[in-house]
Protein backbone atom coordinates (compact mmCIF):
# COMPACT_ATOMS: atom_id res chain seq x y z
CA MET A 1 92.23 -37.06 -114.02
CA THR A 2 89.79 -39.45 -115.70
CA ARG A 3 86.19 -38.68 -116.63
CA GLN A 4 84.29 -41.94 -116.43
CA VAL A 5 80.67 -42.84 -117.10
CA ILE A 6 79.24 -45.69 -115.03
CA LYS A 7 76.18 -47.47 -116.33
CA LEU A 8 74.31 -49.28 -113.57
CA GLY A 9 71.80 -51.76 -114.99
CA SER A 10 68.60 -53.11 -113.51
CA SER A 11 69.96 -56.65 -113.27
CA SER A 12 72.93 -55.51 -111.19
CA ILE A 13 70.81 -53.82 -108.52
CA ALA A 14 67.80 -56.16 -108.56
CA ARG A 15 66.69 -58.32 -105.67
CA ARG A 16 63.40 -60.26 -105.69
CA GLY A 17 61.54 -57.59 -107.62
CA GLY A 18 63.12 -54.85 -105.51
CA LEU A 19 66.41 -52.96 -105.35
CA ALA A 20 69.62 -54.20 -103.72
CA LEU A 21 70.25 -51.08 -101.68
CA ASP A 22 73.44 -52.46 -100.17
CA VAL A 23 74.91 -52.68 -103.67
CA ILE A 24 73.79 -49.16 -104.55
CA ALA A 25 75.13 -47.76 -101.27
CA GLY A 26 78.47 -49.49 -101.80
CA LEU A 27 78.79 -48.09 -105.31
CA VAL A 28 77.98 -44.55 -104.18
CA SER A 29 80.74 -44.88 -101.58
CA GLN A 30 83.15 -46.03 -104.30
CA VAL A 31 82.17 -43.08 -106.49
CA ALA A 32 82.91 -40.71 -103.59
CA ALA A 33 86.35 -42.28 -103.18
CA ALA A 34 87.03 -41.89 -106.91
CA GLN A 35 86.02 -38.23 -106.77
CA ARG A 36 88.33 -37.63 -103.82
CA ALA A 37 91.12 -39.15 -105.93
CA GLY A 38 90.51 -36.50 -108.58
CA HIS A 39 88.32 -38.42 -111.04
CA GLU A 40 85.06 -37.14 -112.51
CA ILE A 41 82.15 -39.59 -112.47
CA ILE A 42 78.81 -39.62 -114.28
CA LEU A 43 76.25 -42.26 -113.33
CA VAL A 44 73.69 -43.62 -115.80
CA THR A 45 71.25 -45.65 -113.74
CA SER A 46 68.27 -47.89 -114.28
CA GLY A 47 65.77 -48.91 -111.63
CA ALA A 48 63.12 -46.18 -111.62
CA ALA A 49 60.38 -48.37 -113.09
CA ARG A 50 61.28 -51.24 -110.76
CA LEU A 51 61.10 -49.03 -107.69
CA GLY A 52 57.90 -47.38 -108.96
CA ARG A 53 56.16 -50.74 -109.34
CA GLN A 54 57.03 -51.53 -105.74
CA LEU A 55 55.64 -48.26 -104.47
CA LEU A 56 52.45 -48.60 -106.53
CA ALA A 57 51.89 -52.03 -105.00
CA PHE A 58 51.40 -50.51 -101.54
CA GLU A 59 47.88 -49.67 -100.50
CA GLY A 60 47.53 -45.92 -100.86
CA PRO A 61 50.72 -45.20 -102.84
CA THR A 62 50.59 -41.48 -102.13
CA ALA A 63 50.72 -41.81 -98.37
CA GLY A 64 51.76 -45.35 -97.56
CA ALA A 65 54.59 -45.49 -100.04
CA ALA A 66 55.96 -42.18 -98.82
CA GLN A 67 56.07 -43.48 -95.23
CA ALA A 68 57.68 -46.73 -96.31
CA LEU A 69 60.23 -44.87 -98.41
CA GLN A 70 61.10 -42.59 -95.49
CA ALA A 71 61.69 -45.61 -93.28
CA LEU A 72 63.80 -47.17 -96.02
CA VAL A 73 65.93 -44.02 -96.44
CA SER A 74 66.46 -43.75 -92.69
CA ALA A 75 67.59 -47.35 -92.55
CA VAL A 76 69.94 -46.85 -95.50
CA ARG A 77 71.49 -43.75 -93.94
CA SER A 78 72.06 -45.58 -90.69
CA ALA A 79 73.52 -48.58 -92.49
CA VAL A 80 75.93 -46.44 -94.48
CA GLN A 81 77.11 -44.62 -91.39
CA THR A 82 77.74 -47.83 -89.49
CA ALA A 83 79.00 -49.78 -92.54
CA ASP A 84 76.72 -52.59 -91.41
CA TYR A 85 74.41 -53.75 -94.19
CA ARG A 86 72.57 -56.33 -92.09
CA GLN A 87 70.01 -53.69 -91.17
CA LEU A 88 69.26 -53.24 -94.86
CA ALA A 89 68.28 -56.87 -95.28
CA GLU A 90 65.55 -56.49 -92.66
CA THR A 91 64.24 -53.31 -94.25
CA LEU A 92 64.33 -54.77 -97.74
CA SER A 93 62.10 -57.64 -96.68
CA LEU A 94 59.24 -55.11 -96.57
CA TYR A 95 59.74 -54.46 -100.27
CA GLU A 96 60.46 -57.96 -101.55
CA THR A 97 56.90 -59.32 -101.40
CA PRO A 98 54.51 -56.45 -102.11
CA PRO A 99 50.81 -57.19 -101.97
CA ALA A 100 49.17 -58.31 -105.18
CA GLY A 101 47.29 -55.69 -107.09
CA PRO A 102 46.71 -54.29 -110.55
CA GLN A 103 49.99 -52.92 -111.85
CA GLY A 104 49.72 -53.04 -115.63
CA GLY A 105 52.48 -53.83 -118.04
CA GLY A 106 53.55 -50.30 -118.98
CA THR A 107 56.55 -48.34 -117.76
CA ALA A 108 55.29 -44.74 -117.88
CA LEU A 109 53.43 -44.61 -114.56
CA PRO A 110 55.89 -46.78 -112.60
CA SER A 111 58.74 -44.62 -113.91
CA ALA A 112 56.94 -41.41 -112.99
CA VAL A 113 56.45 -42.73 -109.44
CA GLY A 114 59.87 -44.34 -109.15
CA GLN A 115 62.04 -41.57 -110.57
CA PRO A 116 61.71 -39.07 -107.67
CA ALA A 117 61.95 -41.92 -105.17
CA LEU A 118 65.12 -43.21 -106.82
CA MET A 119 66.65 -39.74 -106.82
CA ALA A 120 65.72 -39.25 -103.17
CA LEU A 121 67.51 -42.50 -102.42
CA TYR A 122 70.63 -41.48 -104.35
CA ARG A 123 70.65 -38.05 -102.75
CA GLN A 124 70.50 -39.51 -99.24
CA LEU A 125 73.17 -42.10 -99.98
CA ALA A 126 75.45 -39.52 -101.62
CA ALA A 127 74.97 -37.00 -98.80
CA ALA A 128 76.09 -39.61 -96.30
CA VAL A 129 79.49 -39.78 -98.02
CA GLY A 130 79.80 -36.08 -98.81
CA VAL A 131 78.67 -36.04 -102.45
CA GLU A 132 76.11 -33.72 -104.04
CA VAL A 133 74.07 -35.06 -106.96
CA CYS A 134 72.15 -33.57 -109.87
CA GLN A 135 69.54 -35.29 -112.03
CA ILE A 136 69.34 -35.37 -115.83
CA LEU A 137 66.62 -37.20 -117.80
CA VAL A 138 67.29 -38.05 -121.44
CA SER A 139 64.55 -38.72 -124.02
CA ARG A 140 64.71 -40.16 -127.51
CA SER A 141 64.10 -36.67 -128.90
CA ASP A 142 67.24 -35.45 -127.12
CA LEU A 143 69.34 -38.13 -128.78
CA ALA A 144 67.85 -37.10 -132.13
CA SER A 145 69.07 -33.52 -131.72
CA ALA A 146 72.74 -32.67 -132.21
CA ARG A 147 72.21 -29.32 -130.49
CA ALA A 148 70.47 -30.85 -127.46
CA MET A 149 73.27 -33.39 -126.98
CA ALA A 150 75.95 -30.74 -127.37
CA ASP A 151 74.22 -28.74 -124.64
CA LEU A 152 73.97 -31.89 -122.52
CA GLY A 153 77.70 -32.53 -122.92
CA GLN A 154 78.51 -29.01 -121.79
CA LEU A 155 76.20 -29.39 -118.78
CA LEU A 156 77.79 -32.71 -117.78
CA ARG A 157 81.32 -31.32 -118.04
CA GLU A 158 80.37 -28.28 -115.96
CA ALA A 159 78.67 -30.43 -113.33
CA THR A 160 81.55 -32.86 -112.94
CA GLY A 161 84.04 -29.99 -112.95
CA ARG A 162 82.26 -28.59 -109.90
CA GLY A 163 82.44 -31.88 -108.04
CA LEU A 164 78.82 -32.94 -108.59
CA LEU A 165 77.69 -36.46 -109.41
CA PRO A 166 75.31 -36.27 -112.41
CA ILE A 167 72.73 -39.07 -112.34
CA VAL A 168 71.28 -39.75 -115.79
CA ASN A 169 68.35 -41.94 -116.78
CA GLY A 170 66.23 -42.55 -119.85
CA ASN A 171 62.94 -40.69 -119.44
CA ASP A 172 60.49 -43.60 -119.58
CA ALA A 173 57.73 -41.46 -118.08
CA THR A 174 57.41 -39.33 -121.24
CA ASP A 175 59.06 -41.74 -123.67
CA PRO A 176 57.55 -45.12 -122.69
CA HIS A 177 57.30 -46.56 -126.21
CA SER A 178 60.68 -45.53 -127.58
CA ALA A 179 62.48 -48.64 -126.28
CA LEU A 180 65.20 -46.33 -124.97
CA ASP A 181 68.12 -48.52 -124.01
CA ASN A 182 70.21 -47.19 -121.13
CA ASP A 183 73.26 -48.99 -122.55
CA GLN A 184 72.95 -46.78 -125.63
CA VAL A 185 72.18 -43.77 -123.44
CA ALA A 186 75.43 -44.43 -121.58
CA VAL A 187 77.40 -44.38 -124.84
CA ALA A 188 75.70 -41.15 -125.89
CA VAL A 189 76.45 -39.56 -122.52
CA ALA A 190 80.07 -40.71 -122.62
CA VAL A 191 80.61 -39.30 -126.11
CA ALA A 192 78.81 -36.03 -125.35
CA ALA A 193 80.73 -35.53 -122.10
CA GLU A 194 84.10 -36.40 -123.68
CA ALA A 195 84.62 -39.21 -121.20
CA SER A 196 87.70 -41.39 -121.57
CA ARG A 197 86.24 -44.52 -119.97
CA LEU A 198 82.85 -46.22 -119.72
CA LEU A 199 82.05 -48.86 -117.09
CA PHE A 200 79.07 -51.18 -117.59
CA LEU A 201 78.05 -52.76 -114.28
CA THR A 202 75.92 -55.88 -114.49
CA ASP A 203 75.15 -59.03 -112.50
CA VAL A 204 78.09 -61.08 -113.83
CA ARG A 205 81.80 -60.45 -113.49
CA ALA A 206 82.53 -60.20 -117.23
CA ALA A 207 81.51 -61.37 -120.68
CA TYR A 208 81.90 -65.11 -121.12
CA ARG A 209 82.27 -67.39 -124.13
CA ASP A 210 80.08 -70.12 -122.65
CA ALA A 211 76.71 -70.40 -120.95
CA GLU A 212 78.32 -71.90 -117.85
CA LEU A 213 80.28 -68.66 -117.25
CA SER A 214 83.58 -70.51 -116.98
CA GLU A 215 85.55 -68.97 -119.88
CA ARG A 216 85.93 -65.28 -119.12
CA ILE A 217 86.82 -62.90 -121.95
CA ALA A 218 89.53 -60.53 -120.76
CA ARG A 219 90.05 -58.17 -123.69
CA LEU A 220 88.25 -57.48 -126.97
CA THR A 221 88.58 -55.23 -129.97
CA PRO A 222 85.38 -53.47 -131.12
CA ALA A 223 84.92 -56.00 -133.94
CA GLU A 224 85.44 -58.90 -131.55
CA ALA A 225 82.93 -57.41 -129.12
CA ARG A 226 80.28 -57.21 -131.86
CA ALA A 227 81.04 -60.77 -132.93
CA VAL A 228 80.44 -62.34 -129.50
CA ARG A 229 77.11 -64.15 -129.56
CA VAL A 230 75.21 -64.14 -126.27
CA THR A 231 71.61 -64.53 -125.13
CA ALA A 232 70.07 -61.41 -123.60
CA SER A 233 69.21 -61.96 -119.95
CA GLY A 234 68.61 -60.06 -116.78
CA SER A 235 65.78 -57.83 -115.70
CA GLY A 236 66.59 -54.82 -117.87
CA ARG A 237 65.91 -54.11 -121.52
CA GLY A 238 69.43 -54.96 -122.53
CA GLY A 239 71.69 -57.83 -121.65
CA MET A 240 75.28 -58.74 -122.38
CA GLY A 241 74.71 -58.49 -126.14
CA SER A 242 73.44 -54.93 -125.76
CA LYS A 243 76.42 -53.98 -123.62
CA LEU A 244 78.96 -55.48 -126.01
CA THR A 245 77.38 -53.71 -128.97
CA ALA A 246 77.27 -50.43 -127.07
CA ALA A 247 80.85 -50.90 -125.86
CA ALA A 248 82.02 -51.54 -129.42
CA ARG A 249 80.54 -48.27 -130.64
CA ALA A 250 81.99 -46.35 -127.71
CA ALA A 251 85.38 -47.92 -128.37
CA CYS A 252 85.17 -46.84 -132.02
CA CYS A 253 84.68 -43.30 -130.69
CA GLY A 254 87.89 -43.50 -128.65
CA ILE A 255 86.36 -44.51 -125.28
CA GLU A 256 87.72 -47.57 -123.49
CA CYS A 257 84.99 -49.74 -121.94
CA VAL A 258 84.92 -52.19 -119.07
CA ILE A 259 82.15 -54.69 -118.33
CA GLY A 260 82.14 -55.92 -114.75
CA SER A 261 80.05 -56.88 -111.75
CA ALA A 262 78.37 -54.30 -109.54
CA ARG A 263 79.02 -56.60 -106.58
CA GLU A 264 82.77 -56.90 -107.10
CA PRO A 265 84.70 -55.13 -104.31
CA ASP A 266 86.14 -51.77 -105.37
CA VAL A 267 85.00 -52.29 -108.98
CA VAL A 268 84.94 -48.53 -109.63
CA GLY A 269 88.50 -47.99 -108.42
CA ARG A 270 89.78 -51.03 -110.27
CA SER A 271 88.10 -49.96 -113.51
CA LEU A 272 89.96 -46.65 -113.31
CA ASN A 273 93.29 -48.46 -113.11
CA PRO A 274 94.47 -49.52 -116.60
CA ARG A 275 96.69 -52.20 -115.05
CA ALA A 276 93.94 -53.85 -113.00
CA ARG A 277 92.54 -57.08 -114.40
CA THR A 278 88.83 -56.40 -114.07
CA GLY A 279 85.95 -57.81 -116.07
CA THR A 280 86.07 -57.55 -119.85
CA VAL A 281 87.86 -54.63 -121.45
CA VAL A 282 86.87 -53.42 -124.92
CA ARG A 283 89.86 -51.47 -126.14
CA ALA A 284 89.43 -48.04 -127.70
CA SER A 285 90.36 -47.71 -131.35
CA GLY A 286 91.67 -44.31 -132.34
CA SER A 287 91.14 -41.03 -130.54
CA GLN A 288 87.98 -39.32 -129.34
CA LEU A 289 85.80 -37.69 -131.94
CA ASP A 290 85.93 -33.96 -132.47
CA ALA A 291 82.90 -31.87 -131.57
CA GLY A 292 81.49 -31.78 -135.10
CA ARG A 293 81.39 -35.57 -135.45
CA ARG A 294 80.18 -36.66 -132.02
CA TRP A 295 76.44 -36.71 -132.72
CA ILE A 296 76.62 -38.80 -135.90
CA GLY A 297 79.58 -40.89 -134.76
CA GLY A 298 78.49 -41.91 -131.29
CA ILE A 299 75.29 -40.33 -129.99
CA ALA A 300 72.36 -40.58 -132.42
CA TYR A 301 70.28 -43.76 -132.41
CA SER A 302 70.92 -45.93 -135.46
CA ALA A 303 67.83 -46.57 -137.60
CA GLY A 304 69.39 -49.41 -139.60
CA SER A 305 72.55 -50.52 -141.35
CA VAL A 306 74.08 -50.34 -144.81
CA HIS A 307 76.52 -53.11 -145.77
CA VAL A 308 79.27 -52.14 -148.20
CA ASN A 309 81.99 -53.97 -150.10
CA ARG A 310 85.73 -53.62 -149.61
CA GLU A 311 86.13 -51.24 -152.56
CA ALA A 312 83.57 -48.90 -151.02
CA GLU A 313 85.37 -49.05 -147.66
CA GLU A 314 88.67 -48.11 -149.28
CA SER A 315 86.96 -45.24 -151.04
CA LEU A 316 85.42 -44.02 -147.78
CA ARG A 317 88.80 -44.07 -146.05
CA THR A 318 90.24 -41.81 -148.72
CA GLY A 319 87.55 -39.20 -148.05
CA SER A 320 85.11 -40.10 -150.81
CA THR A 321 81.38 -40.59 -150.38
CA LEU A 322 79.41 -43.84 -150.55
CA PHE A 323 78.00 -44.44 -154.01
CA LEU A 324 75.20 -46.88 -154.75
CA SER A 325 77.47 -49.37 -156.50
CA GLY A 326 79.19 -50.08 -153.17
CA VAL A 327 75.97 -50.78 -151.25
CA LYS A 328 75.37 -54.53 -151.12
CA ARG A 329 72.73 -54.90 -148.42
CA VAL A 330 70.31 -52.68 -146.49
CA ASP A 331 68.81 -53.60 -143.10
CA GLY A 332 65.96 -51.72 -141.43
CA ASP A 333 63.25 -49.37 -142.60
CA PHE A 334 64.20 -45.71 -142.38
CA PRO A 335 63.53 -42.38 -144.11
CA ALA A 336 66.05 -40.16 -145.85
CA GLY A 337 68.15 -38.32 -143.28
CA ALA A 338 68.21 -41.17 -140.75
CA VAL A 339 71.51 -42.16 -139.13
CA VAL A 340 72.68 -45.65 -140.09
CA GLU A 341 75.69 -47.82 -139.38
CA LEU A 342 78.08 -48.75 -142.17
CA LEU A 343 79.16 -52.39 -142.00
CA ASP A 344 81.48 -54.68 -143.94
CA VAL A 345 79.18 -56.92 -146.00
CA ARG A 346 81.45 -59.95 -145.57
CA HIS A 347 82.22 -59.32 -141.90
CA PRO A 348 79.23 -57.46 -140.40
CA GLU A 349 80.93 -57.38 -137.01
CA ARG A 350 83.25 -54.72 -138.49
CA LEU A 351 81.66 -51.34 -137.82
CA LEU A 352 83.20 -49.04 -140.42
CA GLY A 353 81.41 -45.83 -139.55
CA ARG A 354 78.08 -44.03 -139.48
CA GLY A 355 76.30 -41.46 -141.56
CA SER A 356 73.01 -39.84 -142.56
CA VAL A 357 71.42 -41.55 -145.56
CA ALA A 358 70.49 -39.52 -148.61
CA LEU A 359 67.76 -41.95 -149.70
CA PRO A 360 65.04 -43.89 -147.86
CA SER A 361 65.68 -47.58 -147.25
CA ALA A 362 63.19 -48.77 -149.89
CA ILE A 363 64.94 -46.75 -152.62
CA LEU A 364 68.36 -47.91 -151.38
CA ARG A 365 67.25 -51.53 -151.70
CA LEU A 366 66.03 -50.88 -155.23
CA LEU A 367 69.22 -49.13 -156.37
CA ARG A 368 71.85 -50.99 -154.38
CA ALA A 369 74.91 -52.36 -156.23
CA LEU A 370 73.90 -50.68 -159.49
CA ALA A 371 76.18 -48.82 -161.87
CA PRO A 372 75.12 -45.26 -162.84
CA GLN A 373 73.56 -46.29 -166.18
CA GLU A 374 71.59 -49.06 -164.44
CA VAL A 375 70.42 -46.58 -161.81
CA ALA A 376 69.17 -44.30 -164.57
CA CYS A 377 67.25 -47.19 -166.15
CA VAL A 378 65.60 -48.13 -162.84
CA LEU A 379 64.54 -44.53 -162.19
CA SER A 380 63.20 -44.25 -165.73
CA VAL A 381 61.04 -47.35 -165.22
CA LEU A 382 59.89 -46.20 -161.78
CA PHE A 383 58.73 -42.81 -163.08
CA ARG A 384 56.98 -44.43 -166.05
CA LEU A 385 55.08 -46.74 -163.70
CA ARG A 386 54.17 -43.69 -161.64
CA TYR A 387 53.14 -41.21 -164.31
CA ALA A 388 52.41 -43.03 -167.57
CA ASP A 389 48.92 -44.33 -168.35
CA PRO A 390 48.87 -47.85 -169.82
CA PRO A 391 46.77 -48.40 -172.98
CA PRO A 392 43.12 -48.58 -171.81
CA ASP A 393 42.32 -51.48 -174.15
CA ALA A 394 45.32 -53.66 -173.28
CA ARG A 395 44.40 -57.30 -173.80
CA GLY A 396 46.02 -60.61 -173.01
CA ALA A 397 47.05 -63.34 -175.47
CA ALA A 398 43.49 -64.75 -175.56
CA GLY A 399 41.96 -61.34 -176.22
CA GLU A 400 40.66 -60.80 -172.68
CA LEU A 401 41.04 -57.45 -170.92
CA VAL A 402 44.09 -57.41 -168.65
CA ALA A 403 43.69 -56.33 -165.01
CA PRO A 404 45.22 -52.89 -164.30
CA GLN A 405 48.21 -54.20 -162.33
CA ALA A 406 48.99 -56.94 -164.83
CA ARG A 407 48.37 -54.42 -167.63
CA THR A 408 51.05 -52.19 -166.07
CA GLU A 409 53.53 -55.04 -165.90
CA THR A 410 52.97 -56.14 -169.49
CA ALA A 411 52.56 -52.73 -171.12
CA LEU A 412 55.13 -50.63 -169.24
CA LEU A 413 57.83 -53.23 -168.50
CA ASP A 414 58.15 -54.82 -171.92
CA PRO A 415 61.86 -55.09 -172.89
CA ASP A 416 60.86 -55.25 -176.54
CA VAL A 417 59.22 -51.84 -176.27
CA TYR A 418 61.26 -49.94 -173.69
CA LYS A 419 65.03 -49.64 -173.90
CA ASP A 420 65.45 -49.05 -170.14
CA CYS A 421 63.83 -52.41 -169.39
CA GLN A 422 65.91 -54.07 -172.08
CA GLU A 423 69.14 -52.79 -170.55
CA LEU A 424 68.16 -54.04 -167.11
CA ALA A 425 66.98 -57.44 -168.37
CA SER A 426 70.10 -58.04 -170.44
CA GLY A 427 72.51 -56.52 -167.98
CA THR A 428 75.50 -58.54 -166.87
CA SER A 429 75.00 -57.70 -163.19
CA ARG A 430 72.63 -59.74 -161.09
CA ALA A 431 71.61 -56.55 -159.29
CA SER A 432 70.09 -55.01 -162.43
CA GLN A 433 67.93 -58.08 -163.07
CA GLU A 434 66.84 -58.15 -159.43
CA ALA A 435 65.91 -54.46 -159.63
CA LEU A 436 63.73 -55.11 -162.69
CA ALA A 437 62.02 -57.99 -160.86
CA GLN A 438 61.37 -55.72 -157.87
CA LEU A 439 59.81 -53.11 -160.13
CA ALA A 440 57.55 -55.71 -161.74
CA ALA A 441 56.31 -56.84 -158.32
CA LEU A 442 55.36 -53.37 -157.08
CA SER A 443 51.73 -52.47 -156.52
CA ALA A 444 50.41 -49.17 -157.84
CA GLU A 445 50.31 -47.81 -154.27
CA ARG A 446 53.91 -48.82 -153.64
CA VAL A 447 55.04 -47.25 -156.92
CA THR A 448 53.46 -43.98 -155.89
CA GLU A 449 55.05 -44.16 -152.45
CA LEU A 450 58.54 -44.86 -153.80
CA ALA A 451 58.43 -42.25 -156.55
CA ASP A 452 57.11 -39.57 -154.22
CA SER A 453 59.69 -40.38 -151.53
CA LEU A 454 62.44 -40.08 -154.14
CA LEU A 455 61.06 -36.71 -155.24
CA LEU A 456 61.22 -35.48 -151.65
CA ALA A 457 64.67 -36.91 -150.91
CA GLN A 458 66.34 -36.00 -154.23
CA PRO A 459 64.31 -33.25 -155.93
CA HIS A 460 67.09 -32.29 -158.37
CA LEU A 461 67.48 -35.87 -159.53
CA ALA A 462 63.75 -36.49 -159.84
CA THR A 463 63.00 -33.28 -161.73
CA THR A 464 65.80 -34.07 -164.18
CA PHE A 465 63.85 -37.14 -165.27
CA LEU A 466 60.42 -35.56 -165.06
CA LEU A 467 61.33 -32.52 -167.18
CA ASP A 468 63.12 -34.64 -169.77
CA LYS A 469 60.06 -36.94 -170.18
CA GLY A 470 62.13 -39.53 -172.02
CA PHE A 471 61.11 -42.12 -169.42
CA LEU A 472 57.67 -42.28 -171.05
CA GLN A 473 59.31 -43.90 -174.11
CA GLY A 474 61.89 -45.86 -172.13
CA GLN A 475 64.75 -43.44 -172.80
CA VAL A 476 66.96 -42.19 -169.96
CA PRO A 477 68.11 -38.55 -170.13
CA ALA A 478 71.13 -38.44 -172.43
CA ASP A 479 72.58 -34.92 -171.98
CA ALA A 480 75.78 -34.40 -170.04
CA ALA A 481 74.10 -32.54 -167.18
CA ALA A 482 71.67 -35.41 -166.57
CA ARG A 483 74.49 -37.95 -166.61
CA ARG A 484 76.36 -35.92 -164.02
CA VAL A 485 73.30 -35.85 -161.78
CA VAL A 486 72.93 -39.63 -161.97
CA ARG A 487 76.64 -40.26 -161.38
CA SER A 488 76.58 -38.02 -158.31
CA ILE A 489 73.85 -40.01 -156.52
CA HIS A 490 75.20 -41.24 -153.19
CA ALA A 491 73.82 -43.39 -150.41
CA VAL A 492 75.08 -41.28 -147.50
CA HIS A 493 75.51 -37.52 -147.28
CA ARG A 494 79.22 -36.82 -147.70
CA GLU A 495 79.31 -34.15 -144.99
CA SER A 496 77.75 -36.51 -142.43
CA LEU A 497 80.14 -39.43 -142.86
CA VAL A 498 82.10 -40.53 -139.81
CA VAL A 499 84.57 -43.30 -140.68
CA TYR A 500 86.17 -45.05 -137.72
CA PRO A 501 89.86 -45.98 -137.68
CA ALA A 502 90.67 -49.30 -139.36
């Protein structure tokens, strides 16, 4: 028995601004056949907003659209029963050129209109082949909750175990601005449900190395999938690049992925056969994640990325945490506690793992690649800029009064006066000199923001400096307890780290 998630994208079921109901009906029939063969299927589908825009385009959407939808459903049921899709083409022509009218550019209202219509369509199609469906809507807030996704996984396993076909969609009606990507939703669903396979159905037969679609890619490792460079296309939010990135993460979580065409005959059955040569296969690396690591490792949305060196990777694989000296680059803007991806700084296509950061991105950029003593010097300078008052009569070389910001730079960052600045300026590492330059360029508002965010994220660390008060004279705390606190600073919470197999 295989539990498989099928992600059906907008581009694979699109037709002239409408839905290719013959394709959807064919896939539902294939799902029914797979269930009869003992497999459990979960469908992640797009198309609600597309269908909703069609229905809103009819004059009197409440009444007229309902009548048109009823006629459409009747035609679909008849077509499925007779296995003759020519009737569908005639019915679809009513939906392919809707009258012009104000539709707006948002997705909330079209999704709210289209979601029940789409489910009615799936229910009718599934009933015609003896399948019962259930609907599950997933919001960004669900993906941000480990408990909610654990409950969702249990619900999906119970539903499939009872022979139901769960139909999952991103909830664009209540989450219209979250840019929820159904490719990422499919990965989250697959990880939560403990699926062994994930099938991405699109409008092309596979991933290709060329724009002419002549050089098909048969098999990829997760790193190879992330390294493929493609241009996003199609009518959905994603594209082949989104699917390859999502497939790579799923594969790192122990789920084998297939990318294929929704219009290929028996694509569902072939994707369930490991020996069948279908589409592009992204091979799973390692085994599936245990329950305690699923949310961080494969479900939660990533807020950014932290690039680490090889020494840091080796340390992570031995069970250690990620210290600041191993962080070489930070991408994205995120608060402390956000989930980020850990990447190889020299080969960013290598996804090493994921974790919850212990520091906000701005602080990580300031402290990256620094040794513990350099970190202490940077924090000493930052707190002095935040809490020390510069001399009120500070004057420039010509005797003129210095502007407050320039006064701060000259009075509080002078290496001849403050030892912490001297250590950073004369340090052998390029990172320490860059950190001092960043501090000198900060506005007073930015200094306050950074210092306060550090106090919230690392209160023990911050209070160690504030109670010592040596930073006012450029001296970092020298006692053993303070040194231990500085040495223990890490970029990612140790207990949250999920390191994927090499």
